[in-house]
């Protein structure tokens, strides 16, 4: 719910990655669930490829 800049800053401090879904709001799950699901799918695929 924070502005994206604060989300990115907090993630960087934690060593986490962020992804923005252009054109979607914080309610991306009912808006475009398939598009949102691509983010963790790409993450896990990268982990498996190793």
PDB file of N, CA and C in Angstrom:
ATOM      1  N   UNK A   1       0.817  -1.191   0.000  1.00  0.00           N
ATOM      2  CA  UNK A   1       0.000   0.000   0.000  1.00  0.00           C
ATOM      3  C   UNK A   1       0.863   1.258   0.000  1.00  0.00           C
ATOM      4  N   UNK A   2       2.157   1.087   0.180  1.00  0.00           N
ATOM      5  CA  UNK A   2       3.066   2.232   0.186  1.00  0.00           C
ATOM      6  C   UNK A   2       3.376   2.661  -1.240  1.00  0.00           C
ATOM      7  N   UNK A   3       3.898   3.866  -1.399  1.00  0.00           N
ATOM      8  CA  UNK A   3       4.338   4.276  -2.735  1.00  0.00           C
ATOM      9  C   UNK A   3       5.429   3.316  -3.236  1.00  0.00           C
ATOM     10  N   UNK A   4       5.464   3.039  -4.533  1.00  0.00           N
ATOM     11  CA  UNK A   4       6.442   2.084  -5.065  1.00  0.00           C
ATOM     12  C   UNK A   4       7.886   2.377  -4.660  1.00  0.00           C
ATOM     13  N   UNK A   5       8.272   3.640  -4.587  1.00  0.00           N
ATOM     14  CA  UNK A   5       9.652   3.969  -4.202  1.00  0.00           C
ATOM     15  C   UNK A   5       9.975   3.433  -2.815  1.00  0.00           C
ATOM     16  N   UNK A   6       9.036   3.518  -1.894  1.00  0.00           N
ATOM     17  CA  UNK A   6       9.268   2.992  -0.548  1.00  0.00           C
ATOM     18  C   UNK A   6       9.318   1.472  -0.550  1.00  0.00           C
ATOM     19  N   UNK A   7       8.493   0.853  -1.380  1.00  0.00           N
ATOM     20  CA  UNK A   7       8.526  -0.609  -1.496  1.00  0.00           C
ATOM     21  C   UNK A   7       9.882  -1.067  -2.010  1.00  0.00           C
ATOM     22  N   UNK A   8      10.405  -0.379  -3.035  1.00  0.00           N
ATOM     23  CA  UNK A   8      11.706  -0.747  -3.602  1.00  0.00           C
ATOM     24  C   UNK A   8      12.824  -0.541  -2.584  1.00  0.00           C
ATOM     25  N   UNK A   9      12.736   0.540  -1.827  1.00  0.00           N
ATOM     26  CA  UNK A   9      13.749   0.819  -0.809  1.00  0.00           C
ATOM     27  C   UNK A   9      13.745  -0.254   0.274  1.00  0.00           C
ATOM     28  N   UNK A  10      12.574  -0.611   0.751  1.00  0.00           N
ATOM     29  CA  UNK A  10      12.479  -1.642   1.788  1.00  0.00           C
ATOM     30  C   UNK A  10      12.988  -2.982   1.259  1.00  0.00           C
ATOM     31  N   UNK A  11      12.632  -3.314   0.031  1.00  0.00           N
ATOM     32  CA  UNK A  11      13.092  -4.569  -0.556  1.00  0.00           C
ATOM     33  C   UNK A  11      14.608  -4.586  -0.694  1.00  0.00           C
ATOM     34  N   UNK A  12      15.189  -3.480  -1.132  1.00  0.00           N
ATOM     35  CA  UNK A  12      16.642  -3.404  -1.284  1.00  0.00           C
ATOM     36  C   UNK A  12      17.342  -3.608   0.055  1.00  0.00           C
ATOM     37  N   UNK A  13      16.810  -3.045   1.101  1.00  0.00           N
ATOM     38  CA  UNK A  13      17.400  -3.217   2.440  1.00  0.00           C
ATOM     39  C   UNK A  13      17.349  -4.672   2.896  1.00  0.00           C
ATOM     40  N   UNK A  14      16.333  -5.384   2.441  1.00  0.00           N
ATOM     41  CA  UNK A  14      16.173  -6.787   2.827  1.00  0.00           C
ATOM     42  C   UNK A  14      16.838  -7.747   1.852  1.00  0.00           C
ATOM     43  N   UNK A  15      17.380  -7.215   0.767  1.00  0.00           N
ATOM     44  CA  UNK A  15      17.982  -8.071  -0.247  1.00  0.00           C
ATOM     45  C   UNK A  15      16.946  -8.787  -1.093  1.00  0.00           C
ATOM     46  N   UNK A  16      15.760  -8.218  -1.163  1.00  0.00           N
ATOM     47  CA  UNK A  16      14.662  -8.836  -1.917  1.00  0.00           C
ATOM     48  C   UNK A  16      14.527  -8.174  -3.284  1.00  0.00           C
ATOM     49  N   UNK A  17      13.842  -8.848  -4.176  1.00  0.00           N
ATOM     50  CA  UNK A  17      13.546  -8.313  -5.494  1.00  0.00           C
ATOM     51  C   UNK A  17      12.137  -7.745  -5.504  1.00  0.00           C
ATOM     52  N   UNK A  18      11.918  -6.825  -6.415  1.00  0.00           N
ATOM     53  CA  UNK A  18      10.573  -6.299  -6.612  1.00  0.00           C
ATOM     54  C   UNK A  18      10.206  -6.428  -8.086  1.00  0.00           C
ATOM     55  N   UNK A  19       8.940  -6.399  -8.347  1.00  0.00           N
ATOM     56  CA  UNK A  19       8.447  -6.424  -9.724  1.00  0.00           C
ATOM     57  C   UNK A  19       7.220  -5.530  -9.783  1.00  0.00           C
ATOM     58  N   UNK A  20       7.158  -4.714 -10.809  1.00  0.00           N
ATOM     59  CA  UNK A  20       5.988  -3.864 -11.005  1.00  0.00           C
ATOM     60  C   UNK A  20       5.185  -4.402 -12.172  1.00  0.00           C
ATOM     61  N   UNK A  21       3.901  -4.446 -12.003  1.00  0.00           N
ATOM     62  CA  UNK A  21       2.990  -4.884 -13.055  1.00  0.00           C
ATOM     63  C   UNK A  21       2.368  -3.635 -13.646  1.00  0.00           C
ATOM     64  N   UNK A  22       3.009  -3.111 -14.688  1.00  0.00           N
ATOM     65  CA  UNK A  22       2.576  -1.858 -15.298  1.00  0.00           C
ATOM     66  C   UNK A  22       1.088  -1.866 -15.625  1.00  0.00           C
ATOM     67  N   UNK A  23       0.451  -0.777 -15.249  1.00  0.00           N
ATOM     68  CA  UNK A  23      -0.962  -0.606 -15.559  1.00  0.00           C
ATOM     69  C   UNK A  23      -1.911  -1.271 -14.580  1.00  0.00           C
ATOM     70  N   UNK A  24      -1.368  -1.995 -13.584  1.00  0.00           N
ATOM     71  CA  UNK A  24      -2.232  -2.651 -12.608  1.00  0.00           C
ATOM     72  C   UNK A  24      -2.127  -1.954 -11.259  1.00  0.00           C
ATOM     73  N   UNK A  25      -3.125  -2.117 -10.450  1.00  0.00           N
ATOM     74  CA  UNK A  25      -3.147  -1.532  -9.117  1.00  0.00           C
ATOM     75  C   UNK A  25      -2.796  -2.601  -8.098  1.00  0.00           C
ATOM     76  N   UNK A  26      -2.923  -2.246  -6.834  1.00  0.00           N
ATOM     77  CA  UNK A  26      -2.646  -3.231  -5.782  1.00  0.00           C
ATOM     78  C   UNK A  26      -3.657  -4.374  -5.811  1.00  0.00           C
ATOM     79  N   UNK A  27      -4.695  -4.232  -6.611  1.00  0.00           N
ATOM     80  CA  UNK A  27      -5.696  -5.287  -6.764  1.00  0.00           C
ATOM     81  C   UNK A  27      -5.440  -6.111  -8.012  1.00  0.00           C
ATOM     82  N   UNK A  28      -4.150  -6.352  -8.311  1.00  0.00           N
ATOM     83  CA  UNK A  28      -3.772  -7.059  -9.539  1.00  0.00           C
ATOM     84  C   UNK A  28      -4.326  -8.472  -9.584  1.00  0.00           C
ATOM     85  N   UNK A  29      -4.532  -9.083  -8.423  1.00  0.00           N
ATOM     86  CA  UNK A  29      -4.979 -10.481  -8.423  1.00  0.00           C
ATOM     87  C   UNK A  29      -6.308 -10.685  -9.155  1.00  0.00           C
ATOM     88  N   UNK A  30      -7.342  -9.886  -8.880  1.00  0.00           N
ATOM     89  CA  UNK A  30      -8.568 -10.065  -9.667  1.00  0.00           C
ATOM     90  C   UNK A  30      -8.495  -9.404 -11.043  1.00  0.00           C
ATOM     91  N   UNK A  31      -7.571  -8.433 -11.214  1.00  0.00           N
ATOM     92  CA  UNK A  31      -7.460  -7.755 -12.503  1.00  0.00           C
ATOM     93  C   UNK A  31      -6.826  -8.662 -13.555  1.00  0.00           C
ATOM     94  N   UNK A  32      -5.651  -9.182 -13.256  1.00  0.00           N
ATOM     95  CA  UNK A  32      -4.929 -10.032 -14.214  1.00  0.00           C
ATOM     96  C   UNK A  32      -4.102 -11.076 -13.454  1.00  0.00           C
ATOM     97  N   UNK A  33      -4.743 -12.094 -12.903  1.00  0.00           N
ATOM     98  CA  UNK A  33      -4.021 -13.073 -12.097  1.00  0.00           C
ATOM     99  C   UNK A  33      -2.946 -13.825 -12.878  1.00  0.00           C
ATOM    100  N   UNK A  34      -3.182 -14.108 -14.141  1.00  0.00           N
ATOM    101  CA  UNK A  34      -2.177 -14.841 -14.922  1.00  0.00           C
ATOM    102  C   UNK A  34      -0.903 -14.031 -15.076  1.00  0.00           C
ATOM    103  N   UNK A  35      -1.059 -12.755 -15.334  1.00  0.00           N
ATOM    104  CA  UNK A  35       0.109 -11.885 -15.482  1.00  0.00           C
ATOM    105  C   UNK A  35       0.876 -11.777 -14.170  1.00  0.00           C
ATOM    106  N   UNK A  36       0.172 -11.663 -13.061  1.00  0.00           N
ATOM    107  CA  UNK A  36       0.823 -11.604 -11.759  1.00  0.00           C
ATOM    108  C   UNK A  36       1.506 -12.905 -11.404  1.00  0.00           C
ATOM    109  N   UNK A  37       0.950 -14.020 -11.815  1.00  0.00           N
ATOM    110  CA  UNK A  37       1.534 -15.328 -11.520  1.00  0.00           C
ATOM    111  C   UNK A  37       2.842 -15.549 -12.265  1.00  0.00           C
ATOM    112  N   UNK A  38       3.059 -14.806 -13.352  1.00  0.00           N
ATOM    113  CA  UNK A  38       4.303 -14.960 -14.104  1.00  0.00           C
ATOM    114  C   UNK A  38       5.524 -14.554 -13.277  1.00  0.00           C
ATOM    115  N   UNK A  39       5.366 -13.610 -12.371  1.00  0.00           N
ATOM    116  CA  UNK A  39       6.507 -13.125 -11.584  1.00  0.00           C
ATOM    117  C   UNK A  39       7.108 -14.247 -10.735  1.00  0.00           C
ATOM    118  N   UNK A  40       6.348 -14.916  -9.871  1.00  0.00           N
ATOM    119  CA  UNK A  40       6.973 -15.999  -9.097  1.00  0.00           C
ATOM    120  C   UNK A  40       7.368 -17.187  -9.976  1.00  0.00           C
ATOM    121  N   UNK A  41       6.639 -17.427 -11.066  1.00  0.00           N
ATOM    122  CA  UNK A  41       7.027 -18.525 -11.960  1.00  0.00           C
ATOM    123  C   UNK A  41       8.409 -18.279 -12.553  1.00  0.00           C
ATOM    124  N   UNK A  42       8.687 -17.052 -12.972  1.00  0.00           N
ATOM    125  CA  UNK A  42      10.007 -16.717 -13.515  1.00  0.00           C
ATOM    126  C   UNK A  42      11.077 -16.826 -12.434  1.00  0.00           C
ATOM    127  N   UNK A  43      10.742 -16.409 -11.222  1.00  0.00           N
ATOM    128  CA  UNK A  43      11.679 -16.498 -10.100  1.00  0.00           C
ATOM    129  C   UNK A  43      12.062 -17.950  -9.843  1.00  0.00           C
ATOM    130  N   UNK A  44      11.062 -18.816  -9.726  1.00  0.00           N
ATOM    131  CA  UNK A  44      11.343 -20.225  -9.435  1.00  0.00           C
ATOM    132  C   UNK A  44      12.078 -20.896 -10.578  1.00  0.00           C
ATOM    133  N   UNK A  45      11.759 -20.558 -11.796  1.00  0.00           N
ATOM    134  CA  UNK A  45      12.479 -21.121 -12.940  1.00  0.00           C
ATOM    135  C   UNK A  45      13.952 -20.733 -12.905  1.00  0.00           C
ATOM    136  N   UNK A  46      14.234 -19.498 -12.519  1.00  0.00           N
ATOM    137  CA  UNK A  46      15.628 -19.039 -12.413  1.00  0.00           C
ATOM    138  C   UNK A  46      16.349 -19.790 -11.291  1.00  0.00           C
ATOM    139  N   UNK A  47      15.646 -20.066 -10.208  1.00  0.00           N
ATOM    140  CA  UNK A  47      16.263 -20.822  -9.102  1.00  0.00           C
ATOM    141  C   UNK A  47      16.597 -22.245  -9.532  1.00  0.00           C
ATOM    142  N   UNK A  48      15.696 -22.854 -10.262  1.00  0.00           N
ATOM    143  CA  UNK A  48      15.922 -24.232 -10.721  1.00  0.00           C
ATOM    144  C   UNK A  48      17.053 -24.305 -11.728  1.00  0.00           C
ATOM    145  N   UNK A  49      17.202 -23.278 -12.565  1.00  0.00           N
ATOM    146  CA  UNK A  49      18.242 -23.267 -13.593  1.00  0.00           C
ATOM    147  C   UNK A  49      19.616 -23.055 -12.970  1.00  0.00           C
ATOM    148  N   UNK A  50      19.607 -22.484 -11.807  1.00  0.00           N
ATOM    149  CA  UNK A  50      20.682 -22.275 -11.018  1.00  0.00           C
ATOM    150  C   UNK A  50      21.938 -21.772 -11.030  1.00  0.00           C
TER     151      UNK A  50
END
